[in-house]
């Protein structure tokens, strides 16, 4: 009789709906659909605010490029804006000069494992990258889309601030007089 009751009970339960319930409406999230064009002044600041680091792939030394910036600024601005608006990065800027860098000065440079590869990019490549990075970072900050605990790649944040944050949260979780806190 008991098994018959459960069998009948199982037959009487309503079937699961054939389609899932509609999802809860989600608030519209901010969307970065395009990059804003830069002015000559913006591009000039990007070019002149950085330390000139010439790569073997640069057609002219970056210090010379910075010196002649007023003369070539409209062309560079057009290049940067064209790349940002089209979403295409010039193929010549996708190349890097890879060089080995010794991990520690005390290590033997002839042993390949003691070196790490460093990619040196053309100066204008880094300029376009900074233009995109500045706009993306600004968008993320304005729309509160960064994790509040993220320390990497944020101005005013470092491994030291991350360590202080973790230490503070650890101290707040431990009760007073806890032996781990006594110095």
Protein backbone atom coordinates (compact mmCIF):
# COMPACT_ATOMS: atom_id res chain seq x y z
CA UNK A 1 0.00 0.00 0.00
CA UNK A 2 2.81 2.41 0.82
CA UNK A 3 4.54 1.87 -2.51
CA UNK A 4 1.23 2.39 -4.28
CA UNK A 5 0.75 5.70 -2.43
CA UNK A 6 4.19 6.96 -3.57
CA UNK A 7 3.56 5.74 -7.09
CA UNK A 8 0.25 7.60 -7.22
CA UNK A 9 1.86 10.64 -5.63
CA UNK A 10 4.60 10.64 -8.26
CA UNK A 11 2.05 10.48 -11.06
CA UNK A 12 0.09 13.39 -9.64
CA UNK A 13 3.01 15.82 -9.38
CA UNK A 14 2.94 18.42 -12.08
CA UNK A 15 5.41 17.97 -14.89
CA UNK A 16 8.29 20.38 -15.17
CA UNK A 17 7.54 23.21 -17.58
CA UNK A 18 8.79 22.58 -21.10
CA UNK A 19 10.41 25.99 -21.25
CA UNK A 20 12.47 27.73 -18.57
CA UNK A 21 10.96 30.68 -16.73
CA UNK A 22 11.87 34.08 -18.12
CA UNK A 23 15.09 35.43 -16.64
CA UNK A 24 15.02 38.25 -14.17
CA UNK A 25 15.51 41.54 -15.95
CA UNK A 26 19.09 42.70 -15.57
CA UNK A 27 19.94 46.36 -15.48
CA UNK A 28 21.67 47.54 -18.62
CA UNK A 29 25.41 47.40 -18.21
CA UNK A 30 27.67 50.12 -19.54
CA UNK A 31 29.16 49.32 -22.92
CA UNK A 32 32.30 50.65 -24.56
CA UNK A 33 31.39 50.31 -28.22
CA UNK A 34 33.93 52.69 -29.76
CA UNK A 35 37.06 54.58 -28.84
CA UNK A 36 36.95 58.36 -28.92
CA UNK A 37 39.17 60.10 -31.47
CA UNK A 38 42.23 61.80 -30.02
CA UNK A 39 43.24 65.38 -30.68
CA UNK A 40 46.69 66.47 -31.81
CA UNK A 41 47.26 67.65 -28.25
CA UNK A 42 46.34 64.21 -26.83
CA UNK A 43 48.72 62.41 -29.19
CA UNK A 44 51.49 64.95 -28.57
CA UNK A 45 51.17 64.32 -24.84
CA UNK A 46 51.33 60.55 -25.42
CA UNK A 47 54.47 60.91 -27.55
CA UNK A 48 56.34 63.41 -25.39
CA UNK A 49 55.45 62.13 -21.92
CA UNK A 50 57.29 58.85 -22.32
CA UNK A 51 60.95 58.09 -22.00
CA UNK A 52 62.38 57.58 -25.49
CA UNK A 53 63.14 53.88 -25.83
CA UNK A 54 64.26 52.92 -29.28
CA UNK A 55 63.69 49.40 -30.54
CA UNK A 56 65.66 47.85 -33.41
CA UNK A 57 62.37 47.83 -35.36
CA UNK A 58 61.88 51.61 -35.12
CA UNK A 59 62.63 53.32 -38.46
CA UNK A 60 64.06 56.33 -36.61
CA UNK A 61 65.22 56.73 -33.00
CA UNK A 62 62.36 57.61 -30.68
CA UNK A 63 64.27 60.63 -29.34
CA UNK A 64 64.37 62.03 -32.90
CA UNK A 65 60.66 61.22 -33.33
CA UNK A 66 59.94 63.22 -30.17
CA UNK A 67 62.05 66.11 -31.47
CA UNK A 68 60.14 66.31 -34.76
CA UNK A 69 56.73 65.68 -33.17
CA UNK A 70 55.35 69.15 -34.06
CA UNK A 71 56.09 68.51 -37.74
CA UNK A 72 54.61 65.00 -37.97
CA UNK A 73 51.85 65.29 -35.38
CA UNK A 74 48.88 65.41 -37.82
CA UNK A 75 50.10 62.21 -39.49
CA UNK A 76 50.65 60.36 -36.22
CA UNK A 77 47.27 61.54 -34.90
CA UNK A 78 45.63 60.23 -38.09
CA UNK A 79 47.42 56.88 -37.68
CA UNK A 80 46.34 56.54 -34.02
CA UNK A 81 42.72 57.53 -34.73
CA UNK A 82 42.52 55.26 -37.77
CA UNK A 83 43.71 52.32 -35.70
CA UNK A 84 41.28 53.08 -32.85
CA UNK A 85 38.25 53.63 -35.11
CA UNK A 86 38.84 50.63 -37.37
CA UNK A 87 39.98 48.25 -34.65
CA UNK A 88 42.95 47.32 -36.82
CA UNK A 89 46.51 47.49 -35.59
CA UNK A 90 49.16 48.02 -38.29
CA UNK A 91 50.87 44.69 -38.96
CA UNK A 92 54.34 46.24 -38.79
CA UNK A 93 53.55 47.23 -35.18
CA UNK A 94 52.75 43.63 -34.25
CA UNK A 95 56.41 42.66 -34.50
CA UNK A 96 58.70 42.65 -31.49
CA UNK A 97 62.44 42.40 -31.09
CA UNK A 98 62.93 39.63 -28.51
CA UNK A 99 66.12 39.78 -26.50
CA UNK A 100 67.30 37.69 -23.53
CA UNK A 101 67.63 39.38 -20.17
CA UNK A 102 69.54 37.79 -17.31
CA UNK A 103 67.22 37.02 -14.38
CA UNK A 104 69.90 37.82 -11.75
CA UNK A 105 73.32 39.40 -12.26
CA UNK A 106 74.98 36.54 -10.37
CA UNK A 107 73.71 33.86 -12.80
CA UNK A 108 75.67 32.43 -15.72
CA UNK A 109 74.40 34.16 -18.91
CA UNK A 110 75.45 31.23 -21.11
CA UNK A 111 72.77 28.99 -19.51
CA UNK A 112 69.56 29.72 -21.36
CA UNK A 113 67.31 29.01 -18.33
CA UNK A 114 68.98 31.92 -16.50
CA UNK A 115 67.54 34.36 -19.04
CA UNK A 116 64.02 35.56 -19.64
CA UNK A 117 62.74 36.87 -22.97
CA UNK A 118 61.97 40.57 -23.21
CA UNK A 119 59.92 41.86 -26.15
CA UNK A 120 60.87 45.32 -27.34
CA UNK A 121 58.08 47.00 -29.30
CA UNK A 122 58.23 49.90 -31.75
CA UNK A 123 57.68 53.31 -30.12
CA UNK A 124 54.55 54.12 -32.17
CA UNK A 125 53.13 50.69 -31.36
CA UNK A 126 53.34 51.50 -27.66
CA UNK A 127 51.78 54.92 -28.34
CA UNK A 128 48.65 53.37 -29.92
CA UNK A 129 48.51 50.80 -27.14
CA UNK A 130 48.62 53.57 -24.50
CA UNK A 131 45.86 55.50 -26.31
CA UNK A 132 43.56 52.47 -26.17
CA UNK A 133 44.62 51.55 -22.63
CA UNK A 134 43.94 55.08 -21.32
CA UNK A 135 40.39 55.09 -22.72
CA UNK A 136 39.66 51.55 -21.53
CA UNK A 137 40.99 52.26 -18.02
CA UNK A 138 38.99 55.47 -17.83
CA UNK A 139 35.80 53.63 -18.88
CA UNK A 140 36.34 50.88 -16.30
CA UNK A 141 36.97 53.40 -13.51
CA UNK A 142 34.01 55.66 -14.41
CA UNK A 143 31.62 52.70 -14.46
CA UNK A 144 33.00 51.02 -11.31
CA UNK A 145 33.83 47.85 -13.23
CA UNK A 146 37.16 47.17 -11.54
CA UNK A 147 37.33 44.88 -8.55
CA UNK A 148 38.01 47.11 -5.52
CA UNK A 149 40.77 44.73 -4.42
CA UNK A 150 42.63 44.82 -7.73
CA UNK A 151 46.05 46.38 -7.34
CA UNK A 152 47.77 45.51 -10.62
CA UNK A 153 47.84 48.05 -13.42
CA UNK A 154 46.14 50.77 -11.40
CA UNK A 155 47.66 54.13 -10.52
CA UNK A 156 48.28 54.50 -6.79
CA UNK A 157 48.09 50.73 -6.25
CA UNK A 158 50.96 48.31 -5.87
CA UNK A 159 51.94 45.04 -4.27
CA UNK A 160 52.52 47.07 -1.09
CA UNK A 161 48.93 48.37 -1.02
CA UNK A 162 47.65 44.85 -1.74
CA UNK A 163 49.73 43.47 1.15
CA UNK A 164 48.48 46.21 3.48
CA UNK A 165 44.89 45.45 2.50
CA UNK A 166 45.29 41.71 3.15
CA UNK A 167 47.06 42.39 6.46
CA UNK A 168 44.33 44.77 7.59
CA UNK A 169 41.56 42.31 6.69
CA UNK A 170 43.44 39.52 8.52
CA UNK A 171 43.81 41.64 11.66
CA UNK A 172 40.13 42.57 11.60
CA UNK A 173 39.14 38.88 11.46
CA UNK A 174 41.24 37.78 14.46
CA UNK A 175 39.93 38.34 18.00
CA UNK A 176 41.82 40.64 20.36
CA UNK A 177 44.57 39.03 22.37
CA UNK A 178 45.05 36.34 19.76
CA UNK A 179 48.58 34.91 20.04
CA UNK A 180 49.35 35.46 16.32
CA UNK A 181 48.98 39.23 16.85
CA UNK A 182 51.32 39.48 19.82
CA UNK A 183 54.69 40.58 18.56
